[in-house]
Amino acid sequence: MSVTVKEAYNAAKKILGDDLIVYRCIELENYWIFPYAWKDGTNIMMPPIQVTKNGICDLWNKHFSDIFEESEWLDEHGKDIPIEELEKK
């Protein structure tokens, strides 16, 4: 089964519940990464949600020394998908 980015986004939002928001979507070869924060914008020092292209949801298990290294790696290896586009679909 293959899921769309919209389905992956909805799955990540469902896992996070009402108190947390997804603020970014990054597409990688086999999965999407969804970093999240509290609704007031306060960051959380937890791994982002990973949704594979076959629909499996989990915390991303790639390890970095800090959030800046993680962000740089995602910028270099991933493709940003605007959240606004996912909200429209």
C-alpha atoms as a PDB file:
ATOM      1  CA  MET A   1       0.000   0.000   0.000  1.00  0.00           C
ATOM      2  CA  SER A   2       1.334   3.400  -0.936  1.00  0.00           C
ATOM      3  CA  VAL A   3       0.159   6.545   0.840  1.00  0.00           C
ATOM      4  CA  THR A   4       0.092  10.108  -0.422  1.00  0.00           C
ATOM      5  CA  VAL A   5       1.825  12.984   1.314  1.00  0.00           C
ATOM      6  CA  LYS A   6      -1.597  14.273   2.410  1.00  0.00           C
ATOM      7  CA  GLU A   7      -2.423  10.909   4.011  1.00  0.00           C
ATOM      8  CA  ALA A   8       0.987  10.875   5.711  1.00  0.00           C
ATOM      9  CA  TYR A   9       0.412  14.418   7.011  1.00  0.00           C
ATOM     10  CA  ASN A  10      -3.009  13.473   8.387  1.00  0.00           C
ATOM     11  CA  ALA A  11      -1.518  10.388  10.059  1.00  0.00           C
ATOM     12  CA  ALA A  12       1.182  12.502  11.741  1.00  0.00           C
ATOM     13  CA  LYS A  13      -1.421  15.033  12.917  1.00  0.00           C
ATOM     14  CA  LYS A  14      -3.589  12.234  14.324  1.00  0.00           C
ATOM     15  CA  ILE A  15      -0.668  10.809  16.302  1.00  0.00           C
ATOM     16  CA  LEU A  16       0.196  14.239  17.725  1.00  0.00           C
ATOM     17  CA  GLY A  17      -3.338  15.021  18.863  1.00  0.00           C
ATOM     18  CA  ASP A  18      -4.771  18.470  19.562  1.00  0.00           C
ATOM     19  CA  ASP A  19      -1.956  19.998  21.636  1.00  0.00           C
ATOM     20  CA  LEU A  20       0.822  19.700  19.042  1.00  0.00           C
ATOM     21  CA  ILE A  21       1.136  21.025  15.483  1.00  0.00           C
ATOM     22  CA  VAL A  22       3.171  19.935  12.476  1.00  0.00           C
ATOM     23  CA  TYR A  23       5.148  22.944  11.246  1.00  0.00           C
ATOM     24  CA  ARG A  24       7.168  21.413   8.417  1.00  0.00           C
ATOM     25  CA  CYS A  25       7.042  18.527   5.942  1.00  0.00           C
ATOM     26  CA  ILE A  26      10.210  17.178   4.351  1.00  0.00           C
ATOM     27  CA  GLU A  27      10.065  14.493   1.684  1.00  0.00           C
ATOM     28  CA  LEU A  28      12.930  12.015   1.520  1.00  0.00           C
ATOM     29  CA  GLU A  29      13.288   9.010  -0.777  1.00  0.00           C
ATOM     30  CA  ASN A  30      11.232   6.499   1.235  1.00  0.00           C
ATOM     31  CA  TYR A  31       9.407   8.606   3.802  1.00  0.00           C
ATOM     32  CA  TRP A  32       8.253  12.024   4.971  1.00  0.00           C
ATOM     33  CA  ILE A  33       9.480  13.788   8.103  1.00  0.00           C
ATOM     34  CA  PHE A  34       7.108  15.946  10.150  1.00  0.00           C
ATOM     35  CA  PRO A  35       8.727  18.128  12.837  1.00  0.00           C
ATOM     36  CA  TYR A  36       6.240  19.421  15.398  1.00  0.00           C
ATOM     37  CA  ALA A  37       5.846  21.887  18.249  1.00  0.00           C
ATOM     38  CA  TRP A  38       3.350  22.841  20.916  1.00  0.00           C
ATOM     39  CA  LYS A  39       0.399  24.839  19.529  1.00  0.00           C
ATOM     40  CA  ASP A  40       1.866  28.051  20.986  1.00  0.00           C
ATOM     41  CA  GLY A  41       4.997  27.519  18.841  1.00  0.00           C
ATOM     42  CA  THR A  42       7.277  26.250  21.616  1.00  0.00           C
ATOM     43  CA  ASN A  43       9.680  23.687  20.172  1.00  0.00           C
ATOM     44  CA  ILE A  44       9.888  20.179  21.549  1.00  0.00           C
ATOM     45  CA  MET A  45      13.205  18.395  21.810  1.00  0.00           C
ATOM     46  CA  MET A  46      11.867  15.119  20.460  1.00  0.00           C
ATOM     47  CA  PRO A  47      12.533  13.381  17.152  1.00  0.00           C
ATOM     48  CA  PRO A  48      10.094  14.299  14.383  1.00  0.00           C
ATOM     49  CA  ILE A  49       7.374  11.948  13.186  1.00  0.00           C
ATOM     50  CA  GLN A  50       8.383   9.738  10.260  1.00  0.00           C
ATOM     51  CA  VAL A  51       5.738   8.300   7.940  1.00  0.00           C
ATOM     52  CA  THR A  52       7.005   5.801   5.388  1.00  0.00           C
ATOM     53  CA  LYS A  53       5.606   5.720   1.876  1.00  0.00           C
ATOM     54  CA  ASN A  54       3.773   2.524   2.849  1.00  0.00           C
ATOM     55  CA  GLY A  55       2.059   4.274   5.777  1.00  0.00           C
ATOM     56  CA  ILE A  56       4.061   3.182   8.816  1.00  0.00           C
ATOM     57  CA  CYS A  57       4.309   5.935  11.451  1.00  0.00           C
ATOM     58  CA  ASP A  58       7.052   6.184  14.058  1.00  0.00           C
ATOM     59  CA  LEU A  59       9.562   8.597  15.512  1.00  0.00           C
ATOM     60  CA  TRP A  60      12.451   9.291  13.152  1.00  0.00           C
ATOM     61  CA  ASN A  61      15.408   7.226  14.339  1.00  0.00           C
ATOM     62  CA  LYS A  62      18.264   9.085  12.617  1.00  0.00           C
ATOM     63  CA  HIS A  63      20.566  10.571  15.258  1.00  0.00           C
ATOM     64  CA  PHE A  64      22.325  13.935  15.166  1.00  0.00           C
ATOM     65  CA  SER A  65      24.448  15.801  17.689  1.00  0.00           C
ATOM     66  CA  ASP A  66      21.907  18.647  17.867  1.00  0.00           C
ATOM     67  CA  ILE A  67      18.797  20.088  16.236  1.00  0.00           C
ATOM     68  CA  PHE A  68      20.875  22.390  14.015  1.00  0.00           C
ATOM     69  CA  GLU A  69      22.765  19.467  12.473  1.00  0.00           C
ATOM     70  CA  GLU A  70      19.445  17.675  11.935  1.00  0.00           C
ATOM     71  CA  SER A  71      17.918  20.714  10.243  1.00  0.00           C
ATOM     72  CA  GLU A  72      20.949  21.183   7.965  1.00  0.00           C
ATOM     73  CA  TRP A  73      20.875  17.502   6.976  1.00  0.00           C
ATOM     74  CA  LEU A  74      17.177  17.711   6.122  1.00  0.00           C
ATOM     75  CA  ASP A  75      17.742  20.897   4.102  1.00  0.00           C
ATOM     76  CA  GLU A  76      20.489  19.166   2.094  1.00  0.00           C
ATOM     77  CA  HIS A  77      18.777  15.799   1.545  1.00  0.00           C
ATOM     78  CA  GLY A  78      15.072  16.513   1.557  1.00  0.00           C
ATOM     79  CA  LYS A  79      12.468  18.440  -0.359  1.00  0.00           C
ATOM     80  CA  ASP A  80      10.230  20.832   1.570  1.00  0.00           C
ATOM     81  CA  ILE A  81       6.511  20.503   1.005  1.00  0.00           C
ATOM     82  CA  PRO A  82       4.645  23.572   2.238  1.00  0.00           C
ATOM     83  CA  ILE A  83       2.169  22.838   5.035  1.00  0.00           C
ATOM     84  CA  GLU A  84      -0.230  25.277   3.376  1.00  0.00           C
ATOM     85  CA  GLU A  85      -0.363  22.963   0.353  1.00  0.00           C
ATOM     86  CA  LEU A  86      -1.170  19.959   2.561  1.00  0.00           C
ATOM     87  CA  GLU A  87      -3.964  21.861   4.281  1.00  0.00           C
ATOM     88  CA  LYS A  88      -5.564  22.649   0.896  1.00  0.00           C
ATOM     89  CA  LYS A  89      -5.549  19.169  -0.605  1.00  0.00           C
END
